[in-house]
Amino acid sequence: MHIKILGPGCRNCTTLEAETRAAVQRLGLDATIEKVTAYPDIAAYGIMSTPGLVVDEEVLVSGRVPKQDEIVALLSR
């Protein structure tokens, strides 16, 4: 599983990364987590506001920080 956190490094982006890492650990997943901070790369995903959560090149969340339980549910599907 390849997970990308899209955002310039703001507080919400940092929170999303921490919650995602905790969810991955909670599920015991073998996942790579990558931070994408360059605006052209973020824009390529078509999101209008950050942070964004991308799993295996599919945008799952954008513009908000989901709770850890929601991230767990998204990663479990």
C-alpha atoms as a PDB file:
ATOM      1  CA  MET A   1       0.000   0.000   0.000  1.00  0.00           C
ATOM      2  CA  HIS A   2       1.323   3.428  -0.945  1.00  0.00           C
ATOM      3  CA  ILE A   3      -0.093   6.373   1.003  1.00  0.00           C
ATOM      4  CA  LYS A   4       0.521  10.015   0.180  1.00  0.00           C
ATOM      5  CA  ILE A   5      -0.192  13.000   2.412  1.00  0.00           C
ATOM      6  CA  LEU A   6      -0.737  16.050   0.231  1.00  0.00           C
ATOM      7  CA  GLY A   7      -0.033  19.465   1.716  1.00  0.00           C
ATOM      8  CA  PRO A   8       2.534  22.187   2.202  1.00  0.00           C
ATOM      9  CA  GLY A   9       3.404  21.141   5.748  1.00  0.00           C
ATOM     10  CA  CYS A  10       0.792  23.076   7.705  1.00  0.00           C
ATOM     11  CA  ARG A  11      -0.540  21.964  11.079  1.00  0.00           C
ATOM     12  CA  ASN A  12      -3.452  20.076   9.497  1.00  0.00           C
ATOM     13  CA  CYS A  13      -1.093  18.264   7.135  1.00  0.00           C
ATOM     14  CA  THR A  14       1.116  17.255  10.042  1.00  0.00           C
ATOM     15  CA  THR A  15      -1.929  16.075  12.006  1.00  0.00           C
ATOM     16  CA  LEU A  16      -3.171  14.022   9.045  1.00  0.00           C
ATOM     17  CA  GLU A  17       0.226  12.390   8.704  1.00  0.00           C
ATOM     18  CA  ALA A  18       0.351  11.508  12.414  1.00  0.00           C
ATOM     19  CA  GLU A  19      -3.205  10.109  12.403  1.00  0.00           C
ATOM     20  CA  THR A  20      -2.497   8.113   9.243  1.00  0.00           C
ATOM     21  CA  ARG A  21       0.705   6.649  10.688  1.00  0.00           C
ATOM     22  CA  ALA A  22      -1.204   5.679  13.844  1.00  0.00           C
ATOM     23  CA  ALA A  23      -3.970   4.052  11.760  1.00  0.00           C
ATOM     24  CA  VAL A  24      -1.429   2.090   9.700  1.00  0.00           C
ATOM     25  CA  GLN A  25       0.260   0.868  12.881  1.00  0.00           C
ATOM     26  CA  ARG A  26      -3.089   0.031  14.469  1.00  0.00           C
ATOM     27  CA  LEU A  27      -4.019  -2.107  11.454  1.00  0.00           C
ATOM     28  CA  GLY A  28      -0.550  -3.642  11.161  1.00  0.00           C
ATOM     29  CA  LEU A  29      -0.364  -2.705   7.484  1.00  0.00           C
ATOM     30  CA  ASP A  30       2.711  -2.849   5.305  1.00  0.00           C
ATOM     31  CA  ALA A  31       2.494   0.649   3.876  1.00  0.00           C
ATOM     32  CA  THR A  32       4.773   3.359   2.584  1.00  0.00           C
ATOM     33  CA  ILE A  33       3.819   6.892   3.625  1.00  0.00           C
ATOM     34  CA  GLU A  34       5.065   9.769   1.490  1.00  0.00           C
ATOM     35  CA  LYS A  35       4.649  13.505   2.024  1.00  0.00           C
ATOM     36  CA  VAL A  36       3.897  15.492  -1.141  1.00  0.00           C
ATOM     37  CA  THR A  37       4.543  19.196  -0.583  1.00  0.00           C
ATOM     38  CA  ALA A  38       5.108  20.653  -4.074  1.00  0.00           C
ATOM     39  CA  TYR A  39       2.039  22.538  -5.290  1.00  0.00           C
ATOM     40  CA  PRO A  40       2.239  21.252  -8.892  1.00  0.00           C
ATOM     41  CA  ASP A  41       2.307  17.671  -7.582  1.00  0.00           C
ATOM     42  CA  ILE A  42      -0.639  18.344  -5.250  1.00  0.00           C
ATOM     43  CA  ALA A  43      -2.614  20.033  -8.029  1.00  0.00           C
ATOM     44  CA  ALA A  44      -2.056  17.010 -10.266  1.00  0.00           C
ATOM     45  CA  TYR A  45      -4.462  15.099  -7.985  1.00  0.00           C
ATOM     46  CA  GLY A  46      -7.211  17.633  -8.643  1.00  0.00           C
ATOM     47  CA  ILE A  47      -7.767  18.653  -5.039  1.00  0.00           C
ATOM     48  CA  MET A  48      -8.635  22.259  -4.317  1.00  0.00           C
ATOM     49  CA  SER A  49      -7.730  22.365  -0.628  1.00  0.00           C
ATOM     50  CA  THR A  50      -5.269  20.544   1.574  1.00  0.00           C
ATOM     51  CA  PRO A  51      -4.582  18.327   3.348  1.00  0.00           C
ATOM     52  CA  GLY A  52      -5.236  15.379   1.109  1.00  0.00           C
ATOM     53  CA  LEU A  53      -5.028  11.641   1.698  1.00  0.00           C
ATOM     54  CA  VAL A  54      -4.193   9.480  -1.319  1.00  0.00           C
ATOM     55  CA  VAL A  55      -4.038   5.685  -1.141  1.00  0.00           C
ATOM     56  CA  ASP A  56      -2.680   3.770  -4.123  1.00  0.00           C
ATOM     57  CA  GLU A  57      -3.219   6.861  -6.320  1.00  0.00           C
ATOM     58  CA  GLU A  58      -6.881   7.287  -5.283  1.00  0.00           C
ATOM     59  CA  VAL A  59      -7.820  10.514  -3.477  1.00  0.00           C
ATOM     60  CA  LEU A  60      -9.824   9.471  -0.420  1.00  0.00           C
ATOM     61  CA  VAL A  61      -9.995  12.725   1.561  1.00  0.00           C
ATOM     62  CA  SER A  62      -9.255  16.358   0.810  1.00  0.00           C
ATOM     63  CA  GLY A  63      -9.671  19.628   2.630  1.00  0.00           C
ATOM     64  CA  ARG A  64     -10.061  18.176   6.117  1.00  0.00           C
ATOM     65  CA  VAL A  65      -8.411  15.978   8.718  1.00  0.00           C
ATOM     66  CA  PRO A  66     -10.432  12.815   9.321  1.00  0.00           C
ATOM     67  CA  LYS A  67     -10.428  11.143  12.721  1.00  0.00           C
ATOM     68  CA  GLN A  68      -8.196   8.109  13.136  1.00  0.00           C
ATOM     69  CA  ASP A  69     -11.212   5.770  13.161  1.00  0.00           C
ATOM     70  CA  GLU A  70     -12.287   7.087   9.747  1.00  0.00           C
ATOM     71  CA  ILE A  71      -8.775   6.588   8.379  1.00  0.00           C
ATOM     72  CA  VAL A  72      -8.783   3.030   9.737  1.00  0.00           C
ATOM     73  CA  ALA A  73     -12.094   2.397   7.943  1.00  0.00           C
ATOM     74  CA  LEU A  74     -10.758   3.867   4.689  1.00  0.00           C
ATOM     75  CA  LEU A  75      -7.578   1.800   4.832  1.00  0.00           C
ATOM     76  CA  SER A  76      -9.504  -1.385   5.666  1.00  0.00           C
ATOM     77  CA  ARG A  77     -11.652  -1.417   2.555  1.00  0.00           C
END
